[in-house]
């Protein structure tokens, strides 16, 4: 077969980008992500999966896949405000990874500030989650000042 019969492999709808969304991502959420992505200083790939299947009670999770590549997974949420808060919270984890505060080694425990994470602590006492809530609050004020934060956000310490 001639090489001209084959098209270069790209992700549908998102060619030539290091910010990759699944087909379920709402347009306004993509705009928020593009604004946040522009603040990153080094070449980074962010993959965002909306409507992921996560354990009950978990609204979002962020993974360091290595090589400056991060995966954000989000579950369906009832309101835009809840969805935006979770999105900003998970972006805060991306920033924590990029800054080296949060580490996810391939063969070892997840670390915060060089120390293994203590998952026996309640979510609200984990320093990386406290930091992500604080950053989500700051990002909300910067990128979504026109709308109210969801009930109970930011969480009190």
Protein backbone atom coordinates (compact mmCIF):
# COMPACT_ATOMS: atom_id res chain seq x y z
CA UNK A 1 0.00 0.00 0.00
CA UNK A 2 1.22 3.45 -0.81
CA UNK A 3 2.08 5.73 2.12
CA UNK A 4 -0.38 8.33 0.81
CA UNK A 5 -3.26 6.04 1.77
CA UNK A 6 -2.50 6.48 5.48
CA UNK A 7 -3.29 9.55 7.51
CA UNK A 8 -1.17 10.58 10.48
CA UNK A 9 -2.52 9.35 13.81
CA UNK A 10 -4.24 12.15 15.72
CA UNK A 11 -6.93 12.24 18.35
CA UNK A 12 -10.25 13.19 16.74
CA UNK A 13 -11.14 16.80 17.37
CA UNK A 14 -7.88 17.61 19.17
CA UNK A 15 -5.00 17.53 16.67
CA UNK A 16 -1.62 19.02 17.56
CA UNK A 17 -2.36 19.67 21.22
CA UNK A 18 -0.96 18.53 24.53
CA UNK A 19 -4.34 19.05 26.17
CA UNK A 20 -6.57 16.10 25.32
CA UNK A 21 -10.28 15.78 26.18
CA UNK A 22 -12.72 12.93 25.77
CA UNK A 23 -15.92 13.49 23.80
CA UNK A 24 -17.98 14.19 26.94
CA UNK A 25 -16.11 17.33 28.01
CA UNK A 26 -18.38 20.41 27.99
CA UNK A 27 -17.11 23.34 25.92
CA UNK A 28 -16.86 25.79 28.82
CA UNK A 29 -14.86 23.23 30.82
CA UNK A 30 -12.46 22.99 27.87
CA UNK A 31 -12.03 26.77 27.92
CA UNK A 32 -11.17 26.68 31.63
CA UNK A 33 -8.65 23.90 30.97
CA UNK A 34 -7.02 25.82 28.11
CA UNK A 35 -6.59 28.85 30.41
CA UNK A 36 -5.03 26.68 33.13
CA UNK A 37 -2.84 24.85 30.62
CA UNK A 38 -1.42 28.17 29.39
CA UNK A 39 -0.02 28.80 32.90
CA UNK A 40 2.24 25.72 32.75
CA UNK A 41 5.84 26.66 32.02
CA UNK A 42 7.17 23.39 30.66
CA UNK A 43 5.93 21.06 27.98
CA UNK A 44 3.23 18.98 29.63
CA UNK A 45 0.50 16.65 28.40
CA UNK A 46 -2.83 16.64 30.23
CA UNK A 47 -5.47 14.01 29.39
CA UNK A 48 -8.93 14.63 30.81
CA UNK A 49 -11.54 11.89 30.98
CA UNK A 50 -14.99 13.14 31.85
CA UNK A 51 -17.65 10.68 33.07
CA UNK A 52 -15.05 8.23 34.38
CA UNK A 53 -16.03 5.30 36.58
CA UNK A 54 -14.52 5.95 40.01
CA UNK A 55 -15.23 4.48 43.45
CA UNK A 56 -18.37 5.73 45.18
CA UNK A 57 -17.79 9.12 46.79
CA UNK A 58 -14.76 9.96 44.63
CA UNK A 59 -15.53 12.85 42.26
CA UNK A 60 -12.13 13.07 40.61
CA UNK A 61 -8.61 11.71 40.62
CA UNK A 62 -5.33 12.78 39.02
CA UNK A 63 -2.47 10.48 38.06
CA UNK A 64 1.13 11.21 37.11
CA UNK A 65 1.71 8.93 34.13
CA UNK A 66 5.37 9.91 33.83
CA UNK A 67 7.19 11.98 31.21
CA UNK A 68 5.27 15.14 32.20
CA UNK A 69 1.96 13.47 31.33
CA UNK A 70 -1.02 13.61 33.69
CA UNK A 71 -4.47 12.01 33.61
CA UNK A 72 -7.45 13.71 35.23
CA UNK A 73 -10.54 11.53 35.65
CA UNK A 74 -13.88 13.07 36.62
CA UNK A 75 -17.26 11.53 37.43
CA UNK A 76 -20.58 12.98 36.31
CA UNK A 77 -21.81 15.58 38.78
CA UNK A 78 -25.25 17.12 39.13
CA UNK A 79 -24.37 20.80 38.76
CA UNK A 80 -21.91 22.83 36.73
CA UNK A 81 -20.58 24.36 39.94
CA UNK A 82 -19.77 20.95 41.46
CA UNK A 83 -18.16 19.84 38.19
CA UNK A 84 -16.07 23.02 37.94
CA UNK A 85 -14.92 22.74 41.55
CA UNK A 86 -13.77 19.16 41.02
CA UNK A 87 -12.05 20.12 37.77
CA UNK A 88 -10.15 22.96 39.49
CA UNK A 89 -9.29 20.70 42.45
CA UNK A 90 -7.83 18.07 40.13
CA UNK A 91 -5.91 20.74 38.18
CA UNK A 92 -4.44 21.78 41.54
CA UNK A 93 -3.05 18.25 41.83
CA UNK A 94 -1.50 18.63 38.37
CA UNK A 95 0.23 21.80 39.58
CA UNK A 96 1.37 19.95 42.74
CA UNK A 97 2.91 17.23 40.55
CA UNK A 98 4.54 19.73 38.19
CA UNK A 99 6.02 21.67 41.14
CA UNK A 100 7.37 18.44 42.67
CA UNK A 101 5.27 18.74 45.83
CA UNK A 102 3.26 15.62 44.98
CA UNK A 103 5.10 12.59 43.61
CA UNK A 104 3.80 9.32 42.22
CA UNK A 105 6.83 7.10 41.66
CA UNK A 106 6.39 4.03 39.46
CA UNK A 107 7.69 1.66 42.14
CA UNK A 108 6.82 3.26 45.43
CA UNK A 109 4.32 5.12 47.56
CA UNK A 110 2.81 8.43 46.55
CA UNK A 111 4.73 11.19 48.32
CA UNK A 112 3.89 14.68 49.55
CA UNK A 113 6.85 17.01 50.05
CA UNK A 114 9.19 14.00 49.94
CA UNK A 115 7.33 12.00 52.58
CA UNK A 116 5.15 8.92 51.90
CA UNK A 117 1.46 9.83 51.96
CA UNK A 118 -0.53 8.72 54.96
CA UNK A 119 -3.81 7.46 53.54
CA UNK A 120 -5.01 6.47 57.02
CA UNK A 121 -5.72 10.17 57.64
CA UNK A 122 -9.19 11.41 56.73
CA UNK A 123 -9.36 13.13 53.33
CA UNK A 124 -9.82 16.54 54.99
CA UNK A 125 -6.54 16.15 56.93
CA UNK A 126 -4.32 15.12 54.02
CA UNK A 127 -2.00 18.05 53.24
CA UNK A 128 -2.10 17.50 49.46
CA UNK A 129 -5.91 17.62 49.55
CA UNK A 130 -5.94 20.71 51.79
CA UNK A 131 -3.56 22.37 49.30
CA UNK A 132 -5.73 21.34 46.35
CA UNK A 133 -8.85 22.76 48.02
CA UNK A 134 -7.05 26.05 48.73
CA UNK A 135 -5.79 26.25 45.14
CA UNK A 136 -9.21 25.35 43.72
CA UNK A 137 -10.63 28.25 45.75
CA UNK A 138 -8.02 30.65 44.33
CA UNK A 139 -8.53 29.36 40.78
CA UNK A 140 -12.31 29.74 41.15
CA UNK A 141 -11.90 33.38 42.20
CA UNK A 142 -9.67 33.99 39.18
CA UNK A 143 -11.48 32.03 36.47
CA UNK A 144 -15.12 31.79 37.67
CA UNK A 145 -15.79 34.97 39.67
CA UNK A 146 -19.23 35.36 38.04
CA UNK A 147 -20.82 32.36 39.74
CA UNK A 148 -21.27 31.05 43.28
CA UNK A 149 -19.12 28.22 44.57
CA UNK A 150 -20.93 24.95 45.29
CA UNK A 151 -22.35 24.45 48.77
CA UNK A 152 -19.70 23.52 51.30
CA UNK A 153 -16.78 24.79 49.21
CA UNK A 154 -14.13 25.44 50.08
CA UNK A 155 -14.20 22.87 52.86
CA UNK A 156 -13.32 24.18 56.28
CA UNK A 157 -10.21 22.79 57.95
